[in-house]
Amino acid sequence: MSDKGVLKRWVVEALGDLGGSGNVLDVCKHVWRAHRGELEAAGDLFYTWQYDIRWAAQVLRADGVLKAVNGDRRAPWTLAQGQR
């Protein structure tokens, strides 16, 4: 893994496995279980990935991959229609 860009793919993967929607904690748990070894070998990203995964979700929202949360930080992350 070279950079935090891979986190976008992992968010989509996690949400797909979670049935299309999940809170940030569930997404992070899924990413940790599925990619722990890659994260541990990722240098500085290992120390920032839980922050960076929120950045990834924001980019995915801007790209229309995730539904907007309308400022509600506690809203679940949900794949947009057609992304499942």
C-alpha atoms as a PDB file:
ATOM      1  CA  MET A   1       0.000   0.000   0.000  1.00  0.00           C
ATOM      2  CA  SER A   2       1.477   3.295  -1.010  1.00  0.00           C
ATOM      3  CA  ASP A   3      -0.898   5.994   0.213  1.00  0.00           C
ATOM      4  CA  LYS A   4      -4.171   6.843   1.883  1.00  0.00           C
ATOM      5  CA  GLY A   5      -6.016   6.700  -1.448  1.00  0.00           C
ATOM      6  CA  VAL A   6      -6.543   2.969  -0.937  1.00  0.00           C
ATOM      7  CA  LEU A   7      -8.812   3.802   2.001  1.00  0.00           C
ATOM      8  CA  LYS A   8     -11.561   4.902  -0.405  1.00  0.00           C
ATOM      9  CA  ARG A   9     -11.673   1.420  -1.896  1.00  0.00           C
ATOM     10  CA  TRP A  10     -11.650  -0.143   1.563  1.00  0.00           C
ATOM     11  CA  VAL A  11     -14.574   2.044   2.720  1.00  0.00           C
ATOM     12  CA  VAL A  12     -16.658   0.925  -0.258  1.00  0.00           C
ATOM     13  CA  GLU A  13     -15.630  -2.695   0.351  1.00  0.00           C
ATOM     14  CA  ALA A  14     -16.561  -2.465   4.041  1.00  0.00           C
ATOM     15  CA  LEU A  15     -19.916  -0.854   3.362  1.00  0.00           C
ATOM     16  CA  GLY A  16     -20.716  -3.479   0.757  1.00  0.00           C
ATOM     17  CA  ASP A  17     -19.947  -6.220   3.260  1.00  0.00           C
ATOM     18  CA  LEU A  18     -22.043  -4.395   5.873  1.00  0.00           C
ATOM     19  CA  GLY A  19     -25.090  -4.390   3.614  1.00  0.00           C
ATOM     20  CA  GLY A  20     -24.601  -0.916   2.156  1.00  0.00           C
ATOM     21  CA  SER A  21     -24.542   1.123   5.351  1.00  0.00           C
ATOM     22  CA  GLY A  22     -22.665   1.337   8.622  1.00  0.00           C
ATOM     23  CA  ASN A  23     -21.373   3.731  11.219  1.00  0.00           C
ATOM     24  CA  VAL A  24     -17.754   4.830  11.245  1.00  0.00           C
ATOM     25  CA  LEU A  25     -16.902   2.402  14.043  1.00  0.00           C
ATOM     26  CA  ASP A  26     -18.239  -0.592  12.123  1.00  0.00           C
ATOM     27  CA  VAL A  27     -16.416   0.499   8.969  1.00  0.00           C
ATOM     28  CA  CYS A  28     -13.136   0.917  10.876  1.00  0.00           C
ATOM     29  CA  LYS A  29     -13.514  -2.484  12.550  1.00  0.00           C
ATOM     30  CA  HIS A  30     -14.107  -4.096   9.163  1.00  0.00           C
ATOM     31  CA  VAL A  31     -11.096  -2.345   7.612  1.00  0.00           C
ATOM     32  CA  TRP A  32      -8.914  -3.393  10.560  1.00  0.00           C
ATOM     33  CA  ARG A  33      -9.993  -7.038  10.338  1.00  0.00           C
ATOM     34  CA  ALA A  34      -9.568  -7.178   6.573  1.00  0.00           C
ATOM     35  CA  HIS A  35      -6.399  -5.093   6.163  1.00  0.00           C
ATOM     36  CA  ARG A  36      -4.546  -5.151   9.470  1.00  0.00           C
ATOM     37  CA  GLY A  37      -1.317  -6.451   7.980  1.00  0.00           C
ATOM     38  CA  GLU A  38      -1.327  -3.839   5.238  1.00  0.00           C
ATOM     39  CA  LEU A  39      -2.012  -1.080   7.741  1.00  0.00           C
ATOM     40  CA  GLU A  40       0.736  -2.233  10.086  1.00  0.00           C
ATOM     41  CA  ALA A  41       3.197  -2.173   7.175  1.00  0.00           C
ATOM     42  CA  ALA A  42       2.029   1.227   5.885  1.00  0.00           C
ATOM     43  CA  GLY A  43       4.499   3.463   7.682  1.00  0.00           C
ATOM     44  CA  ASP A  44       3.002   6.750   8.829  1.00  0.00           C
ATOM     45  CA  LEU A  45      -0.451   5.781   7.553  1.00  0.00           C
ATOM     46  CA  PHE A  46      -0.642   3.254  10.386  1.00  0.00           C
ATOM     47  CA  TYR A  47      -0.793   6.172  12.803  1.00  0.00           C
ATOM     48  CA  THR A  48      -3.285   8.270  10.830  1.00  0.00           C
ATOM     49  CA  TRP A  49      -5.587   5.805   9.063  1.00  0.00           C
ATOM     50  CA  GLN A  50      -8.583   6.301  11.364  1.00  0.00           C
ATOM     51  CA  TYR A  51      -8.472  10.030  10.643  1.00  0.00           C
ATOM     52  CA  ASP A  52      -7.717   9.472   6.964  1.00  0.00           C
ATOM     53  CA  ILE A  53     -10.660   7.097   6.562  1.00  0.00           C
ATOM     54  CA  ARG A  54     -12.954  10.016   7.378  1.00  0.00           C
ATOM     55  CA  TRP A  55     -11.212  12.018   4.642  1.00  0.00           C
ATOM     56  CA  ALA A  56     -11.856   9.083   2.279  1.00  0.00           C
ATOM     57  CA  ALA A  57     -15.553   9.082   3.156  1.00  0.00           C
ATOM     58  CA  GLN A  58     -15.769  12.819   2.485  1.00  0.00           C
ATOM     59  CA  VAL A  59     -14.159  12.374  -0.950  1.00  0.00           C
ATOM     60  CA  LEU A  60     -16.537   9.499  -1.699  1.00  0.00           C
ATOM     61  CA  ARG A  61     -19.489  11.728  -0.764  1.00  0.00           C
ATOM     62  CA  ALA A  62     -18.208  14.479  -3.065  1.00  0.00           C
ATOM     63  CA  ASP A  63     -17.875  11.898  -5.856  1.00  0.00           C
ATOM     64  CA  GLY A  64     -21.432  10.647  -5.273  1.00  0.00           C
ATOM     65  CA  VAL A  65     -20.335   7.194  -4.118  1.00  0.00           C
ATOM     66  CA  LEU A  66     -21.678   7.764  -0.596  1.00  0.00           C
ATOM     67  CA  LYS A  67     -24.898   9.549   0.336  1.00  0.00           C
ATOM     68  CA  ALA A  68     -24.580  12.987   1.891  1.00  0.00           C
ATOM     69  CA  VAL A  69     -24.891  13.197   5.672  1.00  0.00           C
ATOM     70  CA  ASN A  70     -26.095  16.830   5.732  1.00  0.00           C
ATOM     71  CA  GLY A  71     -23.764  17.843   8.543  1.00  0.00           C
ATOM     72  CA  ASP A  72     -24.766  15.016  10.884  1.00  0.00           C
ATOM     73  CA  ARG A  73     -21.443  13.499  11.943  1.00  0.00           C
ATOM     74  CA  ARG A  74     -23.254  10.596  13.617  1.00  0.00           C
ATOM     75  CA  ALA A  75     -25.196   9.632  10.480  1.00  0.00           C
ATOM     76  CA  PRO A  76     -24.286   6.225   9.066  1.00  0.00           C
ATOM     77  CA  TRP A  77     -22.114   6.043   6.004  1.00  0.00           C
ATOM     78  CA  THR A  78     -24.314   4.724   3.206  1.00  0.00           C
ATOM     79  CA  LEU A  79     -23.517   3.748  -0.348  1.00  0.00           C
ATOM     80  CA  ALA A  80     -25.396   5.868  -2.872  1.00  0.00           C
ATOM     81  CA  GLN A  81     -27.983   4.259  -5.115  1.00  0.00           C
ATOM     82  CA  GLY A  82     -26.303   2.136  -7.759  1.00  0.00           C
ATOM     83  CA  GLN A  83     -23.051   1.714  -5.764  1.00  0.00           C
ATOM     84  CA  ARG A  84     -24.024  -1.573  -4.125  1.00  0.00           C
END
